[in-house]
Amino acid sequence: MQKSRNEGSERSMSMIEISTDTQIVAPTTPTRFGHNSASIIDFALTRNIHWLSQVESIAELSSDHNPFIISFDTNRRFAFPRRIVTTDWAAFRELLSPAHYTFHPITARTGEDVETQVADLTDAIINTHALFQADSG
């Protein structure tokens, strides 16, 4: 099977699209016309725009190149992509249990003691969360 000469570029574009939540928007009809050829050479990159869009190639110019217009349906409410998130609460509790972390709020005698213990608890929660993120990523 012969590889497309654009295969590397296509793969790079696909990786950018996936890793950065970027959408590639392009017309479905050619935007450039040459001798015995026609191709789509124009596209747009959008990011964090979750509206539906329409792309229209404008063939009204006397050029070998057609510009295109992107129209976004801004009258519609859009929904952000839903993430499926689950928490293993038993494991979370275990990692914050006295076997792994000790929190003694009764021993706090001053405002500084409270601040220190709250900071320690916050660090323990953040570190536990980071462990879960590392395991799920």
Protein backbone atom coordinates (compact mmCIF):
# COMPACT_ATOMS: atom_id res chain seq x y z
CA MET A 1 0.00 0.00 0.00
CA GLN A 2 1.40 3.36 -1.02
CA LYS A 3 1.43 6.05 1.63
CA SER A 4 -0.05 9.45 0.97
CA ARG A 5 2.56 12.17 0.72
CA ASN A 6 0.44 14.11 3.22
CA GLU A 7 0.17 11.27 5.72
CA GLY A 8 2.65 12.80 8.18
CA SER A 9 0.89 16.16 8.06
CA GLU A 10 -2.50 14.50 8.50
CA ARG A 11 -1.23 12.60 11.53
CA SER A 12 0.25 15.79 13.03
CA MET A 13 -3.01 17.68 12.50
CA SER A 14 -4.95 14.83 14.08
CA MET A 15 -2.68 14.79 17.14
CA ILE A 16 -3.02 18.56 17.57
CA GLU A 17 -6.79 18.25 17.27
CA ILE A 18 -7.00 15.51 19.91
CA SER A 19 -4.44 16.78 22.40
CA THR A 20 -5.58 20.42 22.46
CA ASP A 21 -9.37 20.07 22.10
CA THR A 22 -9.09 21.89 18.78
CA GLN A 23 -11.51 21.35 15.93
CA ILE A 24 -10.51 21.52 12.28
CA VAL A 25 -13.20 23.25 10.24
CA ALA A 26 -13.06 23.04 6.44
CA PRO A 27 -15.43 23.17 3.49
CA THR A 28 -16.53 19.91 1.90
CA THR A 29 -15.98 21.26 -1.61
CA PRO A 30 -12.66 22.31 -3.18
CA THR A 31 -11.34 25.82 -2.59
CA ARG A 32 -8.54 25.68 -5.16
CA PHE A 33 -8.85 24.75 -8.80
CA GLY A 34 -5.92 24.00 -11.08
CA HIS A 35 -5.33 22.25 -14.37
CA ASN A 36 -7.10 18.89 -14.04
CA SER A 37 -7.14 19.20 -10.26
CA ALA A 38 -9.20 20.55 -7.41
CA SER A 39 -8.40 20.47 -3.72
CA ILE A 40 -9.30 21.87 -0.35
CA ILE A 41 -6.41 24.06 0.76
CA ASP A 42 -8.25 26.21 3.29
CA PHE A 43 -9.26 25.31 6.80
CA ALA A 44 -9.71 26.93 10.18
CA LEU A 45 -8.81 25.82 13.67
CA THR A 46 -11.24 26.51 16.49
CA ARG A 47 -10.80 25.90 20.16
CA ASN A 48 -13.36 26.03 22.95
CA ILE A 49 -16.10 26.91 20.46
CA HIS A 50 -18.81 24.32 20.86
CA TRP A 51 -21.41 25.87 18.56
CA LEU A 52 -22.49 24.11 15.42
CA SER A 53 -20.94 25.61 12.31
CA GLN A 54 -21.58 25.74 8.60
CA VAL A 55 -18.78 26.19 6.12
CA GLU A 56 -19.48 27.59 2.68
CA SER A 57 -17.02 27.86 -0.19
CA ILE A 58 -17.74 31.00 -2.23
CA ALA A 59 -17.41 30.35 -5.97
CA GLU A 60 -18.31 33.87 -7.06
CA LEU A 61 -14.79 35.13 -7.74
CA SER A 62 -12.90 34.83 -11.02
CA SER A 63 -9.89 33.30 -9.32
CA ASP A 64 -8.52 29.78 -9.07
CA HIS A 65 -9.10 30.07 -5.36
CA ASN A 66 -12.43 30.24 -3.53
CA PRO A 67 -12.54 31.83 -0.09
CA PHE A 68 -14.87 30.33 2.47
CA ILE A 69 -17.15 31.59 5.22
CA ILE A 70 -17.72 29.91 8.56
CA SER A 71 -21.05 30.65 10.23
CA PHE A 72 -21.64 29.72 13.85
CA ASP A 73 -25.13 29.11 15.19
CA THR A 74 -24.81 31.39 18.22
CA ASN A 75 -28.55 31.33 18.92
CA ARG A 76 -28.32 27.77 20.17
CA ARG A 77 -27.31 26.92 23.67
CA PHE A 78 -24.32 24.65 23.59
CA ALA A 79 -23.20 22.01 26.01
CA PHE A 80 -19.64 21.31 26.96
CA PRO A 81 -18.50 17.77 26.28
CA ARG A 82 -19.42 15.58 29.24
CA ARG A 83 -16.64 13.86 31.11
CA ILE A 84 -17.27 10.55 32.76
CA VAL A 85 -15.62 10.76 36.16
CA THR A 86 -15.74 8.19 38.89
CA THR A 87 -14.15 8.21 42.30
CA ASP A 88 -13.01 5.17 44.22
CA TRP A 89 -14.08 6.55 47.59
CA ALA A 90 -12.88 3.49 49.51
CA ALA A 91 -9.35 3.93 48.17
CA PHE A 92 -9.53 7.70 48.69
CA ARG A 93 -10.55 7.21 52.34
CA GLU A 94 -7.80 4.61 52.79
CA LEU A 95 -5.13 7.00 51.52
CA LEU A 96 -6.38 9.68 53.93
CA SER A 97 -6.78 7.27 56.85
CA PRO A 98 -4.60 7.45 59.99
CA ALA A 99 -2.44 4.69 58.53
CA HIS A 100 -1.25 7.16 55.85
CA TYR A 101 -2.00 10.55 57.36
CA THR A 102 -2.66 11.83 60.86
CA PHE A 103 -4.87 14.85 61.47
CA HIS A 104 -5.34 16.00 65.07
CA PRO A 105 -7.57 19.07 65.14
CA ILE A 106 -7.96 18.89 68.95
CA THR A 107 -4.25 19.61 69.38
CA ALA A 108 -4.52 23.00 67.66
CA ARG A 109 -4.18 25.66 70.36
CA THR A 110 -3.47 28.77 68.32
CA GLY A 111 -4.56 30.22 65.01
CA GLU A 112 -1.14 29.31 63.64
CA ASP A 113 -1.65 25.65 64.71
CA VAL A 114 -5.00 25.58 62.90
CA GLU A 115 -3.47 27.12 59.77
CA THR A 116 -0.62 24.58 59.79
CA GLN A 117 -2.95 21.61 60.24
CA VAL A 118 -5.36 22.85 57.55
CA ALA A 119 -2.40 23.31 55.17
CA ASP A 120 -1.20 19.77 55.95
CA LEU A 121 -4.69 18.32 55.36
CA THR A 122 -5.02 20.26 52.10
CA ASP A 123 -1.64 18.95 50.93
CA ALA A 124 -2.69 15.38 51.80
CA ILE A 125 -5.92 15.73 49.79
CA ILE A 126 -4.11 17.27 46.81
CA ASN A 127 -1.43 14.56 46.88
CA THR A 128 -4.08 11.82 47.10
CA HIS A 129 -5.94 13.36 44.17
CA ALA A 130 -2.67 13.53 42.19
CA LEU A 131 -2.11 9.82 42.83
CA PHE A 132 -5.55 9.03 41.38
CA GLN A 133 -4.89 11.27 38.38
CA ALA A 134 -1.57 9.52 37.73
CA ASP A 135 -3.22 6.08 37.97
CA SER A 136 -6.08 7.00 35.63
CA GLY A 137 -3.99 8.90 33.07
